[in-house]
Amino acid sequence: MLVRTVKEMKSLARNFKREGKSIGFVPTMGYLHEGHISLMRCSKKDNDITVVSIFVNPIQFGENEDLDRYPRDLERDLQICKDEGVDFVFYPSVDEMYPEGFSTYVEVEDLTDRLCGAFRSGHFRGVTTVVNKLFNIVQPDRAYFGEKDYQQLKVIQRMVKDLNMDVEVIGCPIVREKDGLALSSRNKYLSERERESALSLSKALFEAKKMFEKGEKNPEKIISEMKKIITSYPEVKEVQYIEIVDPETLKPKKEVERGDIIAVAVFVGNTRLIDNIKI
């Protein structure tokens, strides 16, 4: 069932709560792929009701980012949700989410200062604000996020903890193509040649993991080898960052340990791609 208004979604959520039904929630920006489907399946397994939101959130996009060209296909997304047995799709307009006079924002400090946050000013403020709103509207018991956006996952978990929000935020594993490319709606932007170069991210990450397993614990040596691999591909235009960080604080490590996260952000052509791997 398609729900377009905050009022209707809140009313449905209240009714389910009264009936003692658990609500699982998968927030998305649409153009759904197997990664999103894996989140829906986790929610279906854990909860009585599953809600998927589709909302391209304007306040998490910066100047000169891809808000206007971000891929959209509601009909296709609705069919995927129907096929997966999703109970409700919440599809609000921008005006519905941010009515005239809107002026309240939620910001998580410190965790948002590094990795993607260092390059995308205001991005995480936009993410935490919209997710807070969506949690208030849908009232989920559990919410599901992909680990490909690892920093986003940790930021949202921190927000929920700090604000005593009554929702469990669950991270689900990265879903990859057979050749290793992490699934992303932005992969649609890639030409054939660019897609080939996009494989540099996963190849570098898997090589880094191998280096650690063979005993390398110096982050500089691992990062240097990763950079060599990534920049050897012709369509790679910029390596924005390669970092090995603590899985909770996201601070860079001086010595690599099991459990650490290796995260990368790279421009392939004009498309910014991110990926990560846990040691």
Protein backbone atom coordinates (compact mmCIF):
# COMPACT_ATOMS: atom_id res chain seq x y z
CA MET A 1 0.00 0.00 0.00
CA LEU A 2 1.35 3.43 -1.00
CA VAL A 3 1.22 6.11 1.71
CA ARG A 4 1.93 9.71 0.73
CA THR A 5 1.16 11.79 3.83
CA VAL A 6 2.72 12.05 7.27
CA LYS A 7 -0.74 12.06 8.85
CA GLU A 8 -1.75 8.74 7.28
CA MET A 9 1.56 7.04 8.04
CA LYS A 10 1.44 8.14 11.69
CA SER A 11 -2.14 6.91 12.00
CA LEU A 12 -1.21 3.49 10.59
CA ALA A 13 1.79 3.24 12.91
CA ARG A 14 -0.33 4.12 15.96
CA ASN A 15 -2.84 1.41 15.06
CA PHE A 16 -0.14 -1.24 14.70
CA LYS A 17 1.33 -0.26 18.05
CA ARG A 18 -2.10 -0.56 19.68
CA GLU A 19 -2.45 -4.04 18.20
CA GLY A 20 0.96 -4.99 19.60
CA LYS A 21 2.51 -5.48 16.18
CA SER A 22 6.20 -4.85 15.61
CA ILE A 23 7.26 -2.50 12.81
CA GLY A 24 10.41 -2.93 10.76
CA PHE A 25 11.58 0.03 8.69
CA VAL A 26 13.88 0.36 5.67
CA PRO A 27 14.58 4.02 4.79
CA THR A 28 15.74 4.47 1.16
CA MET A 29 16.12 7.12 -1.51
CA GLY A 30 14.63 4.74 -4.06
CA TYR A 31 16.03 3.24 -7.25
CA LEU A 32 16.07 -0.01 -5.30
CA HIS A 33 18.60 -2.80 -5.82
CA GLU A 34 19.56 -6.14 -4.23
CA GLY A 35 21.18 -4.33 -1.31
CA HIS A 36 17.84 -2.72 -0.41
CA ILE A 37 16.07 -6.03 -0.98
CA SER A 38 18.37 -7.72 1.55
CA LEU A 39 17.27 -5.10 4.13
CA MET A 40 13.60 -5.73 3.35
CA ARG A 41 14.11 -9.45 3.84
CA CYS A 42 15.77 -8.89 7.21
CA SER A 43 12.85 -6.72 8.26
CA LYS A 44 10.25 -9.23 7.05
CA LYS A 45 11.99 -11.97 9.05
CA ASP A 46 12.12 -9.93 12.29
CA ASN A 47 8.84 -7.98 12.31
CA ASP A 48 5.07 -8.21 11.83
CA ILE A 49 4.90 -5.15 9.54
CA THR A 50 7.55 -3.85 7.12
CA VAL A 51 7.58 -0.24 5.92
CA VAL A 52 9.92 1.03 3.20
CA SER A 53 10.29 4.78 2.69
CA ILE A 54 11.29 6.27 -0.66
CA PHE A 55 12.42 9.88 -0.34
CA VAL A 56 15.27 11.65 -2.11
CA ASN A 57 16.22 13.93 0.76
CA PRO A 58 17.27 17.36 -0.55
CA ILE A 59 18.92 18.56 2.65
CA GLN A 60 21.63 15.89 2.57
CA PHE A 61 22.88 17.00 -0.86
CA GLY A 62 25.44 19.78 -1.08
CA GLU A 63 25.99 22.37 -3.79
CA ASN A 64 26.99 20.82 -7.13
CA GLU A 65 25.99 17.33 -5.95
CA ASP A 66 23.61 15.05 -7.84
CA LEU A 67 20.20 15.87 -6.30
CA ASP A 68 18.55 16.69 -9.64
CA ARG A 69 19.93 13.70 -11.51
CA TYR A 70 19.71 11.14 -8.69
CA PRO A 71 17.99 8.10 -10.31
CA ARG A 72 14.28 7.77 -9.69
CA ASP A 73 11.77 5.13 -10.83
CA LEU A 74 8.77 4.87 -8.52
CA GLU A 75 6.86 2.31 -10.60
CA ARG A 76 9.85 -0.07 -10.64
CA ASP A 77 10.46 0.46 -6.90
CA LEU A 78 6.83 -0.26 -6.03
CA GLN A 79 6.94 -3.50 -8.00
CA ILE A 80 10.08 -4.60 -6.14
CA CYS A 81 8.42 -3.81 -2.79
CA LYS A 82 5.30 -5.72 -3.82
CA ASP A 83 7.35 -8.73 -4.93
CA GLU A 84 9.17 -8.74 -1.58
CA GLY A 85 5.94 -8.58 0.44
CA VAL A 86 6.52 -5.10 1.87
CA ASP A 87 3.36 -3.94 3.68
CA PHE A 88 3.62 -0.18 3.16
CA VAL A 89 5.69 2.19 1.03
CA PHE A 90 5.92 5.69 2.50
CA TYR A 91 6.47 8.13 -0.37
CA PRO A 92 6.15 11.72 0.88
CA SER A 93 6.77 14.86 -1.17
CA VAL A 94 9.46 17.37 -0.22
CA ASP A 95 6.74 19.81 0.90
CA GLU A 96 5.20 17.11 3.08
CA MET A 97 8.52 16.49 4.86
CA TYR A 98 9.75 20.09 4.94
CA PRO A 99 6.74 22.42 5.00
CA GLU A 100 7.18 26.17 4.73
CA GLY A 101 8.99 27.54 7.79
CA PHE A 102 10.84 24.31 8.57
CA SER A 103 13.88 25.28 10.66
CA THR A 104 14.81 22.42 13.02
CA TYR A 105 17.82 20.16 12.43
CA VAL A 106 19.50 17.28 14.25
CA GLU A 107 23.30 17.13 14.31
CA VAL A 108 25.68 14.47 15.60
CA GLU A 109 29.09 15.96 16.36
CA ASP A 110 32.58 14.41 16.19
CA LEU A 111 31.66 11.22 14.25
CA THR A 112 30.63 13.40 11.32
CA ASP A 113 33.89 15.36 11.13
CA ARG A 114 35.86 12.70 9.25
CA LEU A 115 35.67 10.35 6.26
CA CYS A 116 32.73 11.49 4.10
CA GLY A 117 31.85 14.24 6.58
CA ALA A 118 35.17 15.99 5.93
CA PHE A 119 34.26 16.38 2.24
CA ARG A 120 30.46 16.76 2.32
CA SER A 121 29.66 19.70 4.56
CA GLY A 122 26.17 19.45 6.07
CA HIS A 123 25.53 16.00 4.58
CA PHE A 124 25.14 14.14 7.86
CA ARG A 125 23.04 16.92 9.38
CA GLY A 126 20.64 16.30 6.51
CA VAL A 127 20.76 12.53 7.07
CA THR A 128 20.18 12.65 10.82
CA THR A 129 17.39 15.21 10.48
CA VAL A 130 15.45 13.18 7.92
CA VAL A 131 16.01 9.87 9.72
CA ASN A 132 14.85 11.42 12.99
CA LYS A 133 11.70 12.65 11.26
CA LEU A 134 11.10 9.28 9.61
CA PHE A 135 11.51 7.46 12.93
CA ASN A 136 8.97 9.81 14.51
CA ILE A 137 6.52 9.22 11.67
CA VAL A 138 6.88 5.44 11.18
CA GLN A 139 7.56 4.56 14.86
CA PRO A 140 9.64 1.47 14.01
CA ASP A 141 10.83 -1.09 16.52
CA ARG A 142 13.77 -1.89 14.24
CA ALA A 143 15.36 0.00 11.35
CA TYR A 144 17.72 -1.53 8.79
CA PHE A 145 20.70 0.14 7.12
CA GLY A 146 23.37 -1.24 4.80
CA GLU A 147 26.96 -1.39 6.04
CA LYS A 148 28.22 0.04 2.72
CA ASP A 149 27.36 3.46 4.21
CA TYR A 150 29.27 2.54 7.36
CA GLN A 151 29.74 6.06 8.66
CA GLN A 152 26.03 6.78 8.18
CA LEU A 153 25.18 3.64 10.16
CA LYS A 154 27.42 4.64 13.08
CA VAL A 155 26.12 8.22 13.05
CA ILE A 156 22.50 7.06 13.19
CA GLN A 157 23.26 4.55 15.95
CA ARG A 158 24.91 7.37 17.93
CA MET A 159 21.90 9.67 17.41
CA VAL A 160 19.51 6.96 18.60
CA LYS A 161 21.64 6.27 21.69
CA ASP A 162 22.19 9.92 22.60
CA LEU A 163 18.52 10.89 22.16
CA ASN A 164 17.16 7.77 23.93
CA MET A 165 15.14 6.81 20.88
CA ASP A 166 13.16 3.61 21.17
CA VAL A 167 14.36 1.93 17.98
CA GLU A 168 17.01 -0.71 17.31
CA VAL A 169 19.26 0.27 14.40
CA ILE A 170 20.53 -2.84 12.63
CA GLY A 171 23.42 -2.88 10.15
CA CYS A 172 23.22 -5.45 7.35
CA PRO A 173 26.15 -6.76 5.26
CA ILE A 174 27.26 -5.14 2.00
CA VAL A 175 25.78 -6.81 -1.08
CA ARG A 176 28.17 -7.07 -4.02
CA GLU A 177 27.99 -8.03 -7.68
CA LYS A 178 29.75 -11.29 -8.59
CA ASP A 179 32.83 -9.31 -9.63
CA GLY A 180 33.01 -7.55 -6.25
CA LEU A 181 31.44 -4.16 -7.04
CA ALA A 182 29.37 -2.94 -4.07
CA LEU A 183 25.77 -2.29 -5.09
CA SER A 184 24.75 1.37 -5.20
CA SER A 185 22.01 3.34 -6.92
CA ARG A 186 24.78 5.59 -8.25
CA ASN A 187 26.30 2.70 -10.22
CA LYS A 188 23.70 3.62 -12.85
CA TYR A 189 25.81 6.68 -13.70
CA LEU A 190 28.82 4.58 -14.75
CA SER A 191 29.70 3.93 -18.39
CA GLU A 192 31.05 0.49 -19.28
CA ARG A 193 34.65 1.72 -19.00
CA GLU A 194 33.91 3.51 -15.73
CA ARG A 195 32.26 0.43 -14.26
CA GLU A 196 35.43 -1.54 -15.00
CA SER A 197 37.46 1.10 -13.16
CA ALA A 198 34.97 1.06 -10.27
CA LEU A 199 36.16 -2.47 -9.50
CA SER A 200 39.39 -0.85 -8.25
CA LEU A 201 37.70 -0.08 -4.91
CA SER A 202 36.80 -3.66 -4.00
CA LYS A 203 40.07 -5.04 -5.43
CA ALA A 204 42.08 -2.64 -3.26
CA LEU A 205 40.00 -3.47 -0.18
CA PHE A 206 40.35 -7.23 -0.65
CA GLU A 207 44.10 -6.82 -1.18
CA ALA A 208 44.35 -4.77 2.04
CA LYS A 209 42.57 -7.53 3.95
CA LYS A 210 45.03 -10.08 2.52
CA MET A 211 47.98 -7.93 3.57
CA PHE A 212 46.67 -7.79 7.14
CA GLU A 213 46.09 -11.55 7.19
CA LYS A 214 49.72 -12.03 6.11
CA GLY A 215 50.85 -9.95 9.09
CA GLU A 216 50.99 -6.33 7.84
CA LYS A 217 49.81 -3.94 10.57
CA ASN A 218 51.26 -0.67 9.32
CA PRO A 219 48.34 1.42 8.00
CA GLU A 220 50.61 3.57 5.81
CA LYS A 221 51.92 0.53 3.92
CA ILE A 222 48.41 -0.88 3.41
CA ILE A 223 47.02 2.49 2.29
CA SER A 224 49.95 3.03 -0.09
CA GLU A 225 49.34 -0.34 -1.77
CA MET A 226 45.61 0.36 -2.03
CA LYS A 227 46.27 3.74 -3.64
CA LYS A 228 48.55 2.09 -6.23
CA ILE A 229 45.82 -0.37 -7.17
CA ILE A 230 43.06 2.24 -7.40
CA THR A 231 45.04 4.82 -9.38
CA SER A 232 46.15 2.17 -11.88
CA TYR A 233 42.63 2.20 -13.38
CA PRO A 234 42.12 4.70 -16.21
CA GLU A 235 38.74 6.19 -15.26
CA VAL A 236 39.68 6.93 -11.64
CA LYS A 237 39.77 10.73 -11.45
CA GLU A 238 40.35 11.31 -7.73
CA VAL A 239 41.00 9.30 -4.59
CA GLN A 240 39.18 11.36 -1.99
CA TYR A 241 40.26 9.25 0.96
CA ILE A 242 41.59 5.84 1.97
CA GLU A 243 41.51 5.39 5.74
CA ILE A 244 41.80 2.61 8.30
CA VAL A 245 39.67 3.53 11.28
CA ASP A 246 38.36 2.31 14.62
CA PRO A 247 34.93 0.71 14.03
CA GLU A 248 33.23 2.82 16.73
CA THR A 249 35.02 6.17 16.85
CA LEU A 250 36.00 6.21 13.14
CA LYS A 251 39.36 7.71 14.17
CA PRO A 252 42.42 6.70 12.10
CA LYS A 253 44.47 3.81 13.49
CA LYS A 254 48.22 3.93 14.10
CA GLU A 255 48.35 0.14 14.06
CA VAL A 256 45.82 -2.05 12.27
CA GLU A 257 43.85 -4.51 14.40
CA ARG A 258 41.22 -7.12 13.69
CA GLY A 259 37.79 -5.46 13.60
CA ASP A 260 39.04 -2.20 12.10
CA ILE A 261 37.28 -0.68 9.09
CA ILE A 262 39.07 0.20 5.86
CA ALA A 263 37.03 2.86 4.06
CA VAL A 264 37.48 4.48 0.65
CA ALA A 265 35.85 7.25 -1.38
CA VAL A 266 36.83 7.59 -5.04
CA PHE A 267 35.62 9.55 -8.05
CA VAL A 268 35.29 7.26 -11.05
CA GLY A 269 34.56 9.63 -13.91
CA ASN A 270 32.17 12.14 -12.33
CA THR A 271 30.65 9.58 -9.95
CA ARG A 272 31.64 9.47 -6.30
CA LEU A 273 31.69 5.89 -5.00
CA ILE A 274 32.29 4.64 -1.46
CA ASP A 275 33.11 1.19 -0.14
CA ASN A 276 34.57 -0.43 2.96
CA ILE A 277 35.64 -3.71 4.45
CA LYS A 278 35.96 -4.95 8.02
CA ILE A 279 39.30 -6.56 8.90
